Amino acid sequence: MILCRNVMICFDSQTYENLIGRVRPNLEPDGHLIMGHSKILGGIRHSLQNLQPTIYLKPQTPKCRRIKLQAREHQACLTQI
């Protein structure tokens, strides 16, 4: 989870977009970016899923989903032993 409340109030749109571009890779898959109410990601290019007006989610990649599924299957096998 990354909190950016009251951080970007005075940034121009280019700086704002650059910051989001730097923050996104640092979020884990299924990680959350929480913004302040004065800034939302409307008009900014990003690949985050909007959950609520100020809360965004970095979706899992297909590879991450596959790894998590394999880990769950492995755990299920261990519990049956």
N, C-alpha and C. Protein backbone atom coordinates (compact mmCIF):
# COMPACT_ATOMS: atom_id res chain seq x y z
N MET A 1 0.86 -1.16 0.00
CA MET A 1 0.00 0.00 0.00
C MET A 1 0.90 1.23 0.00
N ILE A 2 0.54 2.19 -0.84
CA ILE A 2 1.25 3.46 -0.89
C ILE A 2 0.22 4.56 -0.64
N LEU A 3 0.53 5.42 0.32
CA LEU A 3 -0.34 6.54 0.65
C LEU A 3 0.24 7.81 0.06
N CYS A 4 -0.56 8.54 -0.70
CA CYS A 4 -0.14 9.82 -1.28
C CYS A 4 -1.16 10.90 -0.96
N ARG A 5 -1.53 11.00 0.27
CA ARG A 5 -2.50 12.01 0.67
C ARG A 5 -1.76 13.32 0.94
N ASN A 6 -2.30 14.41 0.39
CA ASN A 6 -1.76 15.76 0.59
C ASN A 6 -0.31 15.90 0.11
N VAL A 7 0.09 15.07 -0.83
CA VAL A 7 1.45 15.13 -1.35
C VAL A 7 1.49 15.88 -2.67
N MET A 8 0.51 15.68 -3.51
CA MET A 8 0.57 16.18 -4.89
C MET A 8 -0.33 17.39 -5.16
N ILE A 9 -0.74 18.07 -4.15
CA ILE A 9 -1.69 19.17 -4.32
C ILE A 9 -1.14 20.26 -5.25
N CYS A 10 0.12 20.58 -5.14
CA CYS A 10 0.70 21.70 -5.90
C CYS A 10 1.42 21.29 -7.17
N PHE A 11 1.40 20.01 -7.52
CA PHE A 11 2.12 19.55 -8.71
C PHE A 11 1.34 19.87 -9.98
N ASP A 12 2.08 20.21 -11.06
CA ASP A 12 1.41 20.38 -12.34
C ASP A 12 1.11 18.99 -12.91
N SER A 13 0.32 18.94 -13.98
CA SER A 13 -0.16 17.64 -14.48
C SER A 13 0.97 16.74 -14.97
N GLN A 14 2.01 17.31 -15.57
CA GLN A 14 3.13 16.49 -16.05
C GLN A 14 3.89 15.86 -14.89
N THR A 15 4.16 16.64 -13.86
CA THR A 15 4.85 16.12 -12.68
C THR A 15 4.00 15.05 -11.99
N TYR A 16 2.71 15.30 -11.92
CA TYR A 16 1.75 14.38 -11.33
C TYR A 16 1.77 13.04 -12.07
N GLU A 17 1.73 13.11 -13.40
CA GLU A 17 1.75 11.90 -14.22
C GLU A 17 3.07 11.16 -14.06
N ASN A 18 4.18 11.90 -14.02
CA ASN A 18 5.50 11.27 -13.82
C ASN A 18 5.57 10.56 -12.47
N LEU A 19 5.03 11.19 -11.44
CA LEU A 19 5.05 10.58 -10.11
C LEU A 19 4.25 9.28 -10.08
N ILE A 20 3.07 9.30 -10.70
CA ILE A 20 2.25 8.08 -10.75
C ILE A 20 3.00 6.99 -11.51
N GLY A 21 3.69 7.37 -12.57
CA GLY A 21 4.49 6.41 -13.34
C GLY A 21 5.62 5.80 -12.52
N ARG A 22 6.14 6.55 -11.55
CA ARG A 22 7.21 6.03 -10.69
C ARG A 22 6.65 5.22 -9.52
N VAL A 23 5.47 5.57 -9.06
CA VAL A 23 4.86 4.88 -7.93
C VAL A 23 4.34 3.50 -8.34
N ARG A 24 3.71 3.41 -9.50
CA ARG A 24 3.05 2.18 -9.93
C ARG A 24 3.97 0.95 -9.89
N PRO A 25 5.21 1.00 -10.43
CA PRO A 25 6.06 -0.20 -10.38
C PRO A 25 6.41 -0.64 -8.96
N ASN A 26 6.32 0.26 -8.01
CA ASN A 26 6.65 -0.08 -6.62
C ASN A 26 5.49 -0.72 -5.87
N LEU A 27 4.32 -0.73 -6.46
CA LEU A 27 3.18 -1.42 -5.86
C LEU A 27 3.28 -2.90 -6.17
N GLU A 28 3.03 -3.73 -5.19
CA GLU A 28 2.93 -5.17 -5.42
C GLU A 28 1.64 -5.44 -6.19
N PRO A 29 1.56 -6.55 -6.93
CA PRO A 29 0.27 -6.93 -7.52
C PRO A 29 -0.78 -7.02 -6.41
N ASP A 30 -1.94 -6.52 -6.66
CA ASP A 30 -3.02 -6.38 -5.68
C ASP A 30 -2.70 -5.31 -4.63
N GLY A 31 -1.69 -4.47 -4.89
CA GLY A 31 -1.35 -3.38 -3.98
C GLY A 31 -2.26 -2.18 -4.21
N HIS A 32 -2.43 -1.38 -3.18
CA HIS A 32 -3.33 -0.24 -3.23
C HIS A 32 -2.56 1.09 -3.20
N LEU A 33 -3.04 2.03 -3.99
CA LEU A 33 -2.57 3.41 -3.97
C LEU A 33 -3.72 4.24 -3.44
N ILE A 34 -3.48 4.95 -2.35
CA ILE A 34 -4.53 5.77 -1.75
C ILE A 34 -4.13 7.23 -1.89
N MET A 35 -5.01 7.99 -2.55
CA MET A 35 -4.76 9.40 -2.84
C MET A 35 -5.58 10.28 -1.91
N GLY A 36 -5.24 11.55 -1.87
CA GLY A 36 -6.06 12.51 -1.16
C GLY A 36 -7.27 12.90 -1.99
N HIS A 37 -8.25 13.50 -1.37
CA HIS A 37 -9.48 13.87 -2.09
C HIS A 37 -9.26 14.99 -3.09
N SER A 38 -8.19 15.75 -2.95
CA SER A 38 -7.95 16.85 -3.88
C SER A 38 -7.36 16.37 -5.21
N LYS A 39 -6.85 15.15 -5.25
CA LYS A 39 -6.26 14.61 -6.48
C LYS A 39 -6.85 13.24 -6.79
N ILE A 40 -7.25 13.06 -8.03
CA ILE A 40 -7.65 11.74 -8.51
C ILE A 40 -6.90 11.51 -9.82
N LEU A 41 -6.95 10.32 -10.34
CA LEU A 41 -6.16 9.99 -11.53
C LEU A 41 -6.90 10.22 -12.84
N GLY A 42 -8.00 10.94 -12.81
CA GLY A 42 -8.70 11.27 -14.04
C GLY A 42 -7.83 12.09 -14.96
N GLY A 43 -7.75 11.71 -16.22
CA GLY A 43 -6.94 12.43 -17.20
C GLY A 43 -5.47 12.04 -17.19
N ILE A 44 -5.09 11.16 -16.29
CA ILE A 44 -3.70 10.70 -16.20
C ILE A 44 -3.64 9.28 -16.76
N ARG A 45 -2.63 9.01 -17.59
CA ARG A 45 -2.47 7.66 -18.12
C ARG A 45 -1.94 6.75 -17.02
N HIS A 46 -2.66 5.68 -16.76
CA HIS A 46 -2.24 4.71 -15.76
C HIS A 46 -2.97 3.40 -16.02
N SER A 47 -2.53 2.33 -15.39
CA SER A 47 -3.18 1.04 -15.57
C SER A 47 -3.71 0.51 -14.24
N LEU A 48 -4.04 1.43 -13.34
CA LEU A 48 -4.57 1.04 -12.05
C LEU A 48 -6.09 0.95 -12.12
N GLN A 49 -6.65 0.05 -11.35
CA GLN A 49 -8.10 -0.11 -11.31
C GLN A 49 -8.66 0.80 -10.22
N ASN A 50 -9.64 1.59 -10.57
CA ASN A 50 -10.26 2.50 -9.61
C ASN A 50 -11.28 1.75 -8.76
N LEU A 51 -11.04 1.68 -7.45
CA LEU A 51 -11.97 0.99 -6.54
C LEU A 51 -12.96 1.95 -5.93
N GLN A 52 -12.48 3.12 -5.54
CA GLN A 52 -13.29 4.20 -4.98
C GLN A 52 -12.66 5.49 -5.48
N PRO A 53 -13.29 6.64 -5.27
CA PRO A 53 -12.74 7.87 -5.84
C PRO A 53 -11.27 8.13 -5.51
N THR A 54 -10.78 7.70 -4.38
CA THR A 54 -9.37 7.97 -4.04
C THR A 54 -8.55 6.71 -3.81
N ILE A 55 -9.09 5.55 -4.15
CA ILE A 55 -8.39 4.28 -3.91
C ILE A 55 -8.25 3.52 -5.23
N TYR A 56 -7.00 3.14 -5.54
CA TYR A 56 -6.68 2.45 -6.78
C TYR A 56 -5.97 1.14 -6.46
N LEU A 57 -6.13 0.16 -7.35
CA LEU A 57 -5.56 -1.17 -7.18
C LEU A 57 -4.67 -1.49 -8.38
N LYS A 58 -3.49 -2.03 -8.11
CA LYS A 58 -2.64 -2.54 -9.19
C LYS A 58 -3.06 -3.98 -9.43
N PRO A 59 -3.63 -4.27 -10.60
CA PRO A 59 -4.09 -5.64 -10.85
C PRO A 59 -2.93 -6.62 -10.96
N GLN A 60 -3.23 -7.88 -10.72
CA GLN A 60 -2.23 -8.93 -10.89
C GLN A 60 -1.99 -9.17 -12.37
N THR A 61 -0.79 -9.56 -12.70
CA THR A 61 -0.49 -9.99 -14.06
C THR A 61 -0.88 -11.46 -14.17
N PRO A 62 -1.09 -11.97 -15.37
CA PRO A 62 -1.41 -13.40 -15.52
C PRO A 62 -0.35 -14.30 -14.87
N LYS A 63 0.93 -13.91 -14.95
CA LYS A 63 2.00 -14.71 -14.34
C LYS A 63 1.82 -14.77 -12.83
N CYS A 64 1.49 -13.64 -12.19
CA CYS A 64 1.28 -13.61 -10.74
C CYS A 64 0.11 -14.50 -10.35
N ARG A 65 -0.96 -14.44 -11.12
CA ARG A 65 -2.12 -15.29 -10.83
C ARG A 65 -1.74 -16.77 -10.89
N ARG A 66 -0.95 -17.13 -11.91
CA ARG A 66 -0.54 -18.52 -12.08
C ARG A 66 0.34 -18.97 -10.92
N ILE A 67 1.26 -18.12 -10.48
CA ILE A 67 2.14 -18.47 -9.36
C ILE A 67 1.34 -18.63 -8.08
N LYS A 68 0.38 -17.72 -7.83
CA LYS A 68 -0.45 -17.84 -6.63
C LYS A 68 -1.30 -19.11 -6.66
N LEU A 69 -1.82 -19.46 -7.83
CA LEU A 69 -2.62 -20.68 -7.97
C LEU A 69 -1.74 -21.91 -7.69
N GLN A 70 -0.54 -21.92 -8.23
CA GLN A 70 0.37 -23.04 -7.99
C GLN A 70 0.72 -23.14 -6.51
N ALA A 71 0.92 -22.02 -5.84
CA ALA A 71 1.24 -22.02 -4.41
C ALA A 71 0.07 -22.58 -3.62
N ARG A 72 -1.17 -22.19 -3.98
CA ARG A 72 -2.35 -22.72 -3.29
C ARG A 72 -2.48 -24.22 -3.50
N GLU A 73 -2.23 -24.68 -4.74
CA GLU A 73 -2.30 -26.12 -5.03
C GLU A 73 -1.25 -26.88 -4.24
N HIS A 74 -0.06 -26.32 -4.14
CA HIS A 74 1.03 -26.93 -3.38
C HIS A 74 0.64 -27.01 -1.91
N GLN A 75 0.10 -25.94 -1.37
CA GLN A 75 -0.32 -25.91 0.03
C GLN A 75 -1.42 -26.95 0.28
N ALA A 76 -2.36 -27.07 -0.66
CA ALA A 76 -3.42 -28.06 -0.51
C ALA A 76 -2.85 -29.48 -0.48
N CYS A 77 -1.83 -29.75 -1.30
CA CYS A 77 -1.21 -31.06 -1.31
C CYS A 77 -0.52 -31.32 0.03
N LEU A 78 0.13 -30.33 0.60
CA LEU A 78 0.83 -30.51 1.86
C LEU A 78 -0.15 -30.78 3.01
N THR A 79 -1.31 -30.16 2.97
CA THR A 79 -2.27 -30.36 4.05
C THR A 79 -2.91 -31.75 3.98
N GLN A 80 -2.87 -32.37 2.81
CA GLN A 80 -3.46 -33.71 2.66
C GLN A 80 -2.50 -34.80 3.11
N ILE A 81 -1.25 -34.47 3.25
CA ILE A 81 -0.23 -35.49 3.63
C ILE A 81 -0.32 -35.80 5.11
